[in-house]
Amino acid sequence: METIRSNTTATAPAPTPVALRVTVEDVLRSRHSVRAFLPTPVPRSTVERLLSLAARSASNSNCQPWQVHVVTGAAKRSLTAALLRAHAGDDEGRGRDYPYQPEQDGWCEPFRSRRRRFGESLYRDTLGIRADDPGARLDHHRRNYDFFGAPVGIVLTTSRHPLQSALVDAGLFLQALMLAARGNGLDTCPQASVIDFSPVLRRHLLIPDDQLIVCGVALGYADPAHPLNHLRTTREPVGSFATFHGDEAD
């Protein structure tokens, strides 16, 4: 590069970083739920870009029924404090918009066993928490309401009017958001726990009644030193869930 000589000292601009080339397969294989984040801020422009990419998701008749509420800084701290108060016993703050999952004794196989294995790998194997230590389990669960320390918390909602198709569309948006984040060097954790306190979310984020609160999402940079981020869950082989109809030659 030619040096520009002048009476003042010129500083050459920093080179533009070369974007890391990743494939869809890369981000699918590297995405995992992160439950411990660094405090490193995520610029609003980055969040907006990720949301713009997620908005490319398919939706029924292109209805695009999703809405998102992004909380950072003081707004996130205020919401976290309210969620923790509700979790500690404020019954008026409890309530879900839809039955996300069965009650504790309502799980059937094979889902009961898969859920149990996940709980054991999280609490016993990763965190060293015994099954007879409910206090330690509760302490970990409370971290959900600070979005696991992530600098960005997102609450995903969808319109009630397209009925259950809107939940499918919201799921497509959620997956696209998580993959877009991973492709840009960020990490996420989808969180059903926050919807246990939908009245709190509605009050703090001014969510109207015609919006169904789907889930939360923690967004930021994973803390590589935290043992939680070494946890990897297994996946069932294709043969266990796929049925092929027709000849292989087809």
C-alpha atoms as a PDB file:
ATOM      1  CA  MET A   1       0.000   0.000   0.000  1.00  0.00           C
ATOM      2  CA  GLU A   2       1.355   3.444  -0.903  1.00  0.00           C
ATOM      3  CA  THR A   3       2.212   5.645   2.070  1.00  0.00           C
ATOM      4  CA  ILE A   4       0.533   9.044   2.055  1.00  0.00           C
ATOM      5  CA  ARG A   5       2.934  11.723   3.222  1.00  0.00           C
ATOM      6  CA  SER A   6       1.633  14.909   4.815  1.00  0.00           C
ATOM      7  CA  ASN A   7       2.472  17.330   7.567  1.00  0.00           C
ATOM      8  CA  THR A   8       0.373  15.272   9.953  1.00  0.00           C
ATOM      9  CA  THR A   9       0.638  11.636  10.907  1.00  0.00           C
ATOM     10  CA  ALA A  10      -2.028   9.653   9.055  1.00  0.00           C
ATOM     11  CA  THR A  11      -3.515   6.513  10.507  1.00  0.00           C
ATOM     12  CA  ALA A  12      -4.511   3.871   7.993  1.00  0.00           C
ATOM     13  CA  PRO A  13      -8.047   2.571   8.472  1.00  0.00           C
ATOM     14  CA  ALA A  14      -8.346  -0.848  10.010  1.00  0.00           C
ATOM     15  CA  PRO A  15      -8.918  -3.566   7.440  1.00  0.00           C
ATOM     16  CA  THR A  16     -12.461  -4.844   7.149  1.00  0.00           C
ATOM     17  CA  PRO A  17     -12.655  -8.300   8.725  1.00  0.00           C
ATOM     18  CA  VAL A  18     -13.264 -11.103   6.272  1.00  0.00           C
ATOM     19  CA  ALA A  19     -16.577 -12.743   7.098  1.00  0.00           C
ATOM     20  CA  LEU A  20     -16.300 -16.319   8.269  1.00  0.00           C
ATOM     21  CA  ARG A  21     -17.830 -18.547   5.621  1.00  0.00           C
ATOM     22  CA  VAL A  22     -20.133 -21.042   7.246  1.00  0.00           C
ATOM     23  CA  THR A  23     -22.701 -23.366   5.779  1.00  0.00           C
ATOM     24  CA  VAL A  24     -26.203 -24.197   6.947  1.00  0.00           C
ATOM     25  CA  GLU A  25     -24.844 -27.565   8.053  1.00  0.00           C
ATOM     26  CA  ASP A  26     -22.152 -25.803  10.100  1.00  0.00           C
ATOM     27  CA  VAL A  27     -24.645 -23.743  12.057  1.00  0.00           C
ATOM     28  CA  LEU A  28     -27.058 -26.642  12.520  1.00  0.00           C
ATOM     29  CA  ARG A  29     -24.288 -28.791  13.967  1.00  0.00           C
ATOM     30  CA  SER A  30     -22.762 -26.064  16.151  1.00  0.00           C
ATOM     31  CA  ARG A  31     -25.966 -24.551  17.534  1.00  0.00           C
ATOM     32  CA  HIS A  32     -26.767 -25.612  21.073  1.00  0.00           C
ATOM     33  CA  SER A  33     -28.602 -24.085  23.998  1.00  0.00           C
ATOM     34  CA  VAL A  34     -26.185 -21.846  25.895  1.00  0.00           C
ATOM     35  CA  ARG A  35     -26.944 -21.324  29.584  1.00  0.00           C
ATOM     36  CA  ALA A  36     -24.037 -19.079  30.597  1.00  0.00           C
ATOM     37  CA  PHE A  37     -23.160 -15.903  28.725  1.00  0.00           C
ATOM     38  CA  LEU A  38     -20.429 -13.298  28.791  1.00  0.00           C
ATOM     39  CA  PRO A  39     -21.505  -9.707  29.599  1.00  0.00           C
ATOM     40  CA  THR A  40     -20.142  -8.572  26.217  1.00  0.00           C
ATOM     41  CA  PRO A  41     -22.745  -6.231  24.675  1.00  0.00           C
ATOM     42  CA  VAL A  42     -24.428  -7.030  21.364  1.00  0.00           C
ATOM     43  CA  PRO A  43     -24.964  -3.891  19.251  1.00  0.00           C
ATOM     44  CA  ARG A  44     -28.557  -3.058  18.403  1.00  0.00           C
ATOM     45  CA  SER A  45     -27.632  -3.029  14.720  1.00  0.00           C
ATOM     46  CA  THR A  46     -26.552  -6.668  15.033  1.00  0.00           C
ATOM     47  CA  VAL A  47     -29.814  -7.660  16.710  1.00  0.00           C
ATOM     48  CA  GLU A  48     -31.791  -5.869  14.022  1.00  0.00           C
ATOM     49  CA  ARG A  49     -29.841  -7.688  11.314  1.00  0.00           C
ATOM     50  CA  LEU A  50     -30.538 -11.071  12.920  1.00  0.00           C
ATOM     51  CA  LEU A  51     -34.246 -10.271  13.206  1.00  0.00           C
ATOM     52  CA  SER A  52     -34.292  -9.179   9.572  1.00  0.00           C
ATOM     53  CA  LEU A  53     -32.798 -12.513   8.558  1.00  0.00           C
ATOM     54  CA  ALA A  54     -35.237 -14.460  10.737  1.00  0.00           C
ATOM     55  CA  ALA A  55     -38.112 -12.579   9.120  1.00  0.00           C
ATOM     56  CA  ARG A  56     -37.275 -14.388   5.869  1.00  0.00           C
ATOM     57  CA  SER A  57     -38.934 -17.452   7.425  1.00  0.00           C
ATOM     58  CA  ALA A  58     -41.872 -19.093   5.722  1.00  0.00           C
ATOM     59  CA  SER A  59     -45.345 -18.446   7.132  1.00  0.00           C
ATOM     60  CA  ASN A  60     -48.883 -19.470   6.282  1.00  0.00           C
ATOM     61  CA  SER A  61     -50.044 -17.340   3.309  1.00  0.00           C
ATOM     62  CA  ASN A  62     -47.159 -14.974   4.161  1.00  0.00           C
ATOM     63  CA  CYS A  63     -49.093 -13.771   7.232  1.00  0.00           C
ATOM     64  CA  GLN A  64     -45.850 -13.227   9.221  1.00  0.00           C
ATOM     65  CA  PRO A  65     -47.741 -13.294  12.552  1.00  0.00           C
ATOM     66  CA  TRP A  66     -44.687 -12.981  14.824  1.00  0.00           C
ATOM     67  CA  GLN A  67     -43.698 -10.045  17.018  1.00  0.00           C
ATOM     68  CA  VAL A  68     -40.589  -9.702  19.187  1.00  0.00           C
ATOM     69  CA  HIS A  69     -39.785  -7.655  22.278  1.00  0.00           C
ATOM     70  CA  VAL A  70     -36.070  -7.045  22.834  1.00  0.00           C
ATOM     71  CA  VAL A  71     -34.861  -6.118  26.331  1.00  0.00           C
ATOM     72  CA  THR A  72     -31.401  -4.908  27.304  1.00  0.00           C
ATOM     73  CA  GLY A  73     -29.819  -2.844  30.059  1.00  0.00           C
ATOM     74  CA  ALA A  74     -32.171  -1.314  32.628  1.00  0.00           C
ATOM     75  CA  ALA A  75     -35.269  -2.699  30.892  1.00  0.00           C
ATOM     76  CA  LYS A  76     -33.903  -6.235  31.159  1.00  0.00           C
ATOM     77  CA  ARG A  77     -32.927  -5.755  34.812  1.00  0.00           C
ATOM     78  CA  SER A  78     -36.416  -4.471  35.638  1.00  0.00           C
ATOM     79  CA  LEU A  79     -38.092  -7.384  33.886  1.00  0.00           C
ATOM     80  CA  THR A  80     -35.778  -9.889  35.590  1.00  0.00           C
ATOM     81  CA  ALA A  81     -36.592  -8.439  39.021  1.00  0.00           C
ATOM     82  CA  ALA A  82     -40.335  -8.710  38.343  1.00  0.00           C
ATOM     83  CA  LEU A  83     -40.031 -12.294  37.073  1.00  0.00           C
ATOM     84  CA  LEU A  84     -38.040 -13.303  40.139  1.00  0.00           C
ATOM     85  CA  ARG A  85     -40.646 -11.755  42.443  1.00  0.00           C
ATOM     86  CA  ALA A  86     -43.357 -13.733  40.678  1.00  0.00           C
ATOM     87  CA  HIS A  87     -41.254 -16.886  40.850  1.00  0.00           C
ATOM     88  CA  ALA A  88     -40.811 -16.355  44.601  1.00  0.00           C
ATOM     89  CA  GLY A  89     -44.542 -16.494  45.210  1.00  0.00           C
ATOM     90  CA  ASP A  90     -46.500 -13.693  43.551  1.00  0.00           C
ATOM     91  CA  ASP A  91     -49.435 -15.806  42.344  1.00  0.00           C
ATOM     92  CA  GLU A  92     -50.868 -12.883  40.376  1.00  0.00           C
ATOM     93  CA  GLY A  93     -47.838 -13.070  38.121  1.00  0.00           C
ATOM     94  CA  ARG A  94     -48.294 -16.730  37.232  1.00  0.00           C
ATOM     95  CA  GLY A  95     -50.027 -18.039  34.137  1.00  0.00           C
ATOM     96  CA  ARG A  96     -49.289 -19.354  30.655  1.00  0.00           C
ATOM     97  CA  ASP A  97     -50.985 -18.392  27.426  1.00  0.00           C
ATOM     98  CA  TYR A  98     -51.095 -21.975  26.196  1.00  0.00           C
ATOM     99  CA  PRO A  99     -50.345 -25.484  27.545  1.00  0.00           C
ATOM    100  CA  TYR A 100     -46.702 -25.725  26.514  1.00  0.00           C
ATOM    101  CA  GLN A 101     -46.017 -29.129  28.033  1.00  0.00           C
ATOM    102  CA  PRO A 102     -47.643 -31.817  30.228  1.00  0.00           C
ATOM    103  CA  GLU A 103     -47.631 -31.602  33.994  1.00  0.00           C
ATOM    104  CA  GLN A 104     -44.827 -33.427  35.791  1.00  0.00           C
ATOM    105  CA  ASP A 105     -46.661 -36.764  35.942  1.00  0.00           C
ATOM    106  CA  GLY A 106     -48.182 -36.457  32.485  1.00  0.00           C
ATOM    107  CA  TRP A 107     -45.173 -37.368  30.358  1.00  0.00           C
ATOM    108  CA  CYS A 108     -45.374 -40.625  28.375  1.00  0.00           C
ATOM    109  CA  GLU A 109     -42.612 -42.664  26.745  1.00  0.00           C
ATOM    110  CA  PRO A 110     -40.280 -42.122  24.985  1.00  0.00           C
ATOM    111  CA  PHE A 111     -40.444 -38.476  26.033  1.00  0.00           C
ATOM    112  CA  ARG A 112     -40.318 -39.188  29.768  1.00  0.00           C
ATOM    113  CA  SER A 113     -36.997 -41.047  29.437  1.00  0.00           C
ATOM    114  CA  ARG A 114     -35.469 -38.459  27.130  1.00  0.00           C
ATOM    115  CA  ARG A 115     -36.456 -35.686  29.519  1.00  0.00           C
ATOM    116  CA  ARG A 116     -35.047 -37.582  32.505  1.00  0.00           C
ATOM    117  CA  ARG A 117     -31.734 -38.188  30.715  1.00  0.00           C
ATOM    118  CA  PHE A 118     -31.482 -34.502  29.887  1.00  0.00           C
ATOM    119  CA  GLY A 119     -32.159 -33.517  33.511  1.00  0.00           C
ATOM    120  CA  GLU A 120     -29.515 -35.928  34.767  1.00  0.00           C
ATOM    121  CA  SER A 121     -26.916 -34.673  32.295  1.00  0.00           C
ATOM    122  CA  LEU A 122     -27.665 -31.050  33.197  1.00  0.00           C
ATOM    123  CA  TYR A 123     -27.977 -31.170  36.973  1.00  0.00           C
ATOM    124  CA  ARG A 124     -25.991 -34.228  38.056  1.00  0.00           C
ATOM    125  CA  ASP A 125     -23.291 -34.635  35.422  1.00  0.00           C
ATOM    126  CA  THR A 126     -22.646 -30.990  34.486  1.00  0.00           C
ATOM    127  CA  LEU A 127     -23.501 -28.984  37.603  1.00  0.00           C
ATOM    128  CA  GLY A 128     -22.881 -31.692  40.196  1.00  0.00           C
ATOM    129  CA  ILE A 129     -26.297 -31.133  41.790  1.00  0.00           C
ATOM    130  CA  ARG A 130     -27.813 -34.156  43.511  1.00  0.00           C
ATOM    131  CA  ALA A 131     -31.425 -35.158  43.013  1.00  0.00           C
ATOM    132  CA  ASP A 132     -32.017 -34.636  46.759  1.00  0.00           C
ATOM    133  CA  ASP A 133     -30.827 -31.004  46.645  1.00  0.00           C
ATOM    134  CA  PRO A 134     -33.888 -29.038  45.485  1.00  0.00           C
ATOM    135  CA  GLY A 135     -32.409 -25.754  46.691  1.00  0.00           C
ATOM    136  CA  ALA A 136     -29.474 -25.969  44.293  1.00  0.00           C
ATOM    137  CA  ARG A 137     -31.804 -26.924  41.462  1.00  0.00           C
ATOM    138  CA  LEU A 138     -33.987 -23.936  42.244  1.00  0.00           C
ATOM    139  CA  ASP A 139     -30.970 -21.610  42.255  1.00  0.00           C
ATOM    140  CA  HIS A 140     -30.072 -22.779  38.770  1.00  0.00           C
ATOM    141  CA  HIS A 141     -33.656 -22.484  37.546  1.00  0.00           C
ATOM    142  CA  ARG A 142     -33.842 -18.875  38.734  1.00  0.00           C
ATOM    143  CA  ARG A 143     -31.100 -17.999  36.247  1.00  0.00           C
ATOM    144  CA  ASN A 144     -33.676 -18.445  33.492  1.00  0.00           C
ATOM    145  CA  TYR A 145     -35.241 -15.149  34.501  1.00  0.00           C
ATOM    146  CA  ASP A 146     -32.017 -13.215  33.931  1.00  0.00           C
ATOM    147  CA  PHE A 147     -31.772 -14.879  30.510  1.00  0.00           C
ATOM    148  CA  PHE A 148     -28.732 -16.769  31.851  1.00  0.00           C
ATOM    149  CA  GLY A 149     -26.757 -13.533  32.037  1.00  0.00           C
ATOM    150  CA  ALA A 150     -27.080 -12.799  28.320  1.00  0.00           C
ATOM    151  CA  PRO A 151     -26.960  -9.082  27.464  1.00  0.00           C
ATOM    152  CA  VAL A 152     -30.043  -9.430  25.242  1.00  0.00           C
ATOM    153  CA  GLY A 153     -33.361 -10.992  26.157  1.00  0.00           C
ATOM    154  CA  ILE A 154     -36.046 -11.557  23.548  1.00  0.00           C
ATOM    155  CA  VAL A 155     -39.704 -12.416  24.072  1.00  0.00           C
ATOM    156  CA  LEU A 156     -41.364 -13.939  21.023  1.00  0.00           C
ATOM    157  CA  THR A 157     -45.109 -13.548  20.545  1.00  0.00           C
ATOM    158  CA  THR A 158     -47.508 -14.362  17.744  1.00  0.00           C
ATOM    159  CA  SER A 159     -50.975 -13.253  16.755  1.00  0.00           C
ATOM    160  CA  ARG A 160     -53.833 -15.392  18.045  1.00  0.00           C
ATOM    161  CA  HIS A 161     -55.915 -14.799  14.906  1.00  0.00           C
ATOM    162  CA  PRO A 162     -54.332 -17.328  12.479  1.00  0.00           C
ATOM    163  CA  LEU A 163     -54.956 -19.959  15.199  1.00  0.00           C
ATOM    164  CA  GLN A 164     -52.443 -22.803  15.549  1.00  0.00           C
ATOM    165  CA  SER A 165     -50.718 -22.078  12.252  1.00  0.00           C
ATOM    166  CA  ALA A 166     -49.261 -19.025  13.977  1.00  0.00           C
ATOM    167  CA  LEU A 167     -47.407 -21.278  16.435  1.00  0.00           C
ATOM    168  CA  VAL A 168     -45.877 -23.192  13.520  1.00  0.00           C
ATOM    169  CA  ASP A 169     -44.839 -19.896  11.928  1.00  0.00           C
ATOM    170  CA  ALA A 170     -43.374 -18.650  15.207  1.00  0.00           C
ATOM    171  CA  GLY A 171     -41.358 -21.865  15.484  1.00  0.00           C
ATOM    172  CA  LEU A 172     -39.914 -21.308  12.023  1.00  0.00           C
ATOM    173  CA  PHE A 173     -38.997 -17.735  12.979  1.00  0.00           C
ATOM    174  CA  LEU A 174     -37.394 -18.928  16.223  1.00  0.00           C
ATOM    175  CA  GLN A 175     -35.232 -21.533  14.492  1.00  0.00           C
ATOM    176  CA  ALA A 176     -34.161 -19.044  11.828  1.00  0.00           C
ATOM    177  CA  LEU A 177     -33.203 -16.513  14.512  1.00  0.00           C
ATOM    178  CA  MET A 178     -31.074 -19.043  16.385  1.00  0.00           C
ATOM    179  CA  LEU A 179     -29.320 -20.203  13.221  1.00  0.00           C
ATOM    180  CA  ALA A 180     -28.710 -16.632  12.047  1.00  0.00           C
ATOM    181  CA  ALA A 181     -27.178 -15.845  15.442  1.00  0.00           C
ATOM    182  CA  ARG A 182     -24.892 -18.883  15.292  1.00  0.00           C
ATOM    183  CA  GLY A 183     -23.834 -17.974  11.756  1.00  0.00           C
ATOM    184  CA  ASN A 184     -22.761 -14.571  13.085  1.00  0.00           C
ATOM    185  CA  GLY A 185     -20.736 -15.937  15.993  1.00  0.00           C
ATOM    186  CA  LEU A 186     -23.466 -15.483  18.622  1.00  0.00           C
ATOM    187  CA  ASP A 187     -25.271 -17.994  20.787  1.00  0.00           C
ATOM    188  CA  THR A 188     -28.818 -18.429  22.017  1.00  0.00           C
ATOM    189  CA  CYS A 189     -31.040 -20.358  24.370  1.00  0.00           C
ATOM    190  CA  PRO A 190     -34.755 -20.704  23.672  1.00  0.00           C
ATOM    191  CA  GLN A 191     -36.634 -20.435  26.989  1.00  0.00           C
ATOM    192  CA  ALA A 192     -40.076 -21.765  27.785  1.00  0.00           C
ATOM    193  CA  SER A 193     -39.614 -20.937  31.476  1.00  0.00           C
ATOM    194  CA  VAL A 194     -40.500 -17.257  31.097  1.00  0.00           C
ATOM    195  CA  ILE A 195     -43.987 -18.016  29.780  1.00  0.00           C
ATOM    196  CA  ASP A 196     -44.926 -19.368  33.219  1.00  0.00           C
ATOM    197  CA  PHE A 197     -45.280 -15.677  34.105  1.00  0.00           C
ATOM    198  CA  SER A 198     -47.056 -14.271  31.076  1.00  0.00           C
ATOM    199  CA  PRO A 199     -48.946 -11.611  33.123  1.00  0.00           C
ATOM    200  CA  VAL A 200     -45.578 -10.144  34.172  1.00  0.00           C
ATOM    201  CA  LEU A 201     -44.367 -10.072  30.579  1.00  0.00           C
ATOM    202  CA  ARG A 202     -47.583  -8.394  29.446  1.00  0.00           C
ATOM    203  CA  ARG A 203     -47.356  -5.656  32.072  1.00  0.00           C
ATOM    204  CA  HIS A 204     -43.703  -4.854  31.512  1.00  0.00           C
ATOM    205  CA  LEU A 205     -43.613  -5.136  27.730  1.00  0.00           C
ATOM    206  CA  LEU A 206     -47.155  -3.862  27.032  1.00  0.00           C
ATOM    207  CA  ILE A 207     -48.048  -7.002  25.103  1.00  0.00           C
ATOM    208  CA  PRO A 208     -51.675  -6.831  23.942  1.00  0.00           C
ATOM    209  CA  ASP A 209     -54.126  -9.638  24.650  1.00  0.00           C
ATOM    210  CA  ASP A 210     -54.394 -10.603  20.982  1.00  0.00           C
ATOM    211  CA  GLN A 211     -50.728 -11.657  21.046  1.00  0.00           C
ATOM    212  CA  LEU A 212     -49.878 -15.118  22.389  1.00  0.00           C
ATOM    213  CA  ILE A 213     -46.573 -15.266  24.280  1.00  0.00           C
ATOM    214  CA  VAL A 214     -44.597 -18.127  22.719  1.00  0.00           C
ATOM    215  CA  CYS A 215     -41.224 -18.196  24.494  1.00  0.00           C
ATOM    216  CA  GLY A 216     -38.163 -16.228  25.462  1.00  0.00           C
ATOM    217  CA  VAL A 217     -34.709 -16.270  23.875  1.00  0.00           C
ATOM    218  CA  ALA A 218     -31.358 -15.426  25.470  1.00  0.00           C
ATOM    219  CA  LEU A 219     -28.894 -13.915  22.989  1.00  0.00           C
ATOM    220  CA  GLY A 220     -25.218 -13.121  23.400  1.00  0.00           C
ATOM    221  CA  TYR A 221     -21.744 -14.641  23.483  1.00  0.00           C
ATOM    222  CA  ALA A 222     -21.242 -17.938  25.285  1.00  0.00           C
ATOM    223  CA  ASP A 223     -18.908 -18.039  28.279  1.00  0.00           C
ATOM    224  CA  PRO A 224     -16.458 -20.726  27.119  1.00  0.00           C
ATOM    225  CA  ALA A 225     -15.163 -21.340  30.643  1.00  0.00           C
ATOM    226  CA  HIS A 226     -18.539 -22.212  32.160  1.00  0.00           C
ATOM    227  CA  PRO A 227     -19.176 -25.966  32.526  1.00  0.00           C
ATOM    228  CA  LEU A 228     -22.772 -25.549  31.352  1.00  0.00           C
ATOM    229  CA  ASN A 229     -21.525 -24.730  27.903  1.00  0.00           C
ATOM    230  CA  HIS A 230     -19.757 -28.074  27.610  1.00  0.00           C
ATOM    231  CA  LEU A 231     -23.095 -29.884  27.767  1.00  0.00           C
ATOM    232  CA  ARG A 232     -24.224 -31.445  24.491  1.00  0.00           C
ATOM    233  CA  THR A 233     -27.456 -33.338  24.080  1.00  0.00           C
ATOM    234  CA  THR A 234     -27.859 -36.345  21.809  1.00  0.00           C
ATOM    235  CA  ARG A 235     -30.195 -36.737  18.839  1.00  0.00           C
ATOM    236  CA  GLU A 236     -32.171 -39.743  17.751  1.00  0.00           C
ATOM    237  CA  PRO A 237     -31.031 -41.448  14.514  1.00  0.00           C
ATOM    238  CA  VAL A 238     -33.057 -40.870  11.370  1.00  0.00           C
ATOM    239  CA  GLY A 239     -34.286 -44.442  11.399  1.00  0.00           C
ATOM    240  CA  SER A 240     -36.091 -43.859  14.680  1.00  0.00           C
ATOM    241  CA  PHE A 241     -38.367 -41.103  13.379  1.00  0.00           C
ATOM    242  CA  ALA A 242     -38.453 -41.256   9.566  1.00  0.00           C
ATOM    243  CA  THR A 243     -40.609 -43.526   7.423  1.00  0.00           C
ATOM    244  CA  PHE A 244     -39.784 -43.696   3.712  1.00  0.00           C
ATOM    245  CA  HIS A 245     -42.584 -44.551   1.299  1.00  0.00           C
ATOM    246  CA  GLY A 246     -41.747 -45.702  -2.228  1.00  0.00           C
ATOM    247  CA  ASP A 247     -38.848 -47.440  -3.921  1.00  0.00           C
ATOM    248  CA  GLU A 248     -35.315 -46.314  -3.215  1.00  0.00           C
ATOM    249  CA  ALA A 249     -34.791 -45.779  -6.942  1.00  0.00           C
ATOM    250  CA  ASP A 250     -37.529 -43.133  -6.943  1.00  0.00           C
END
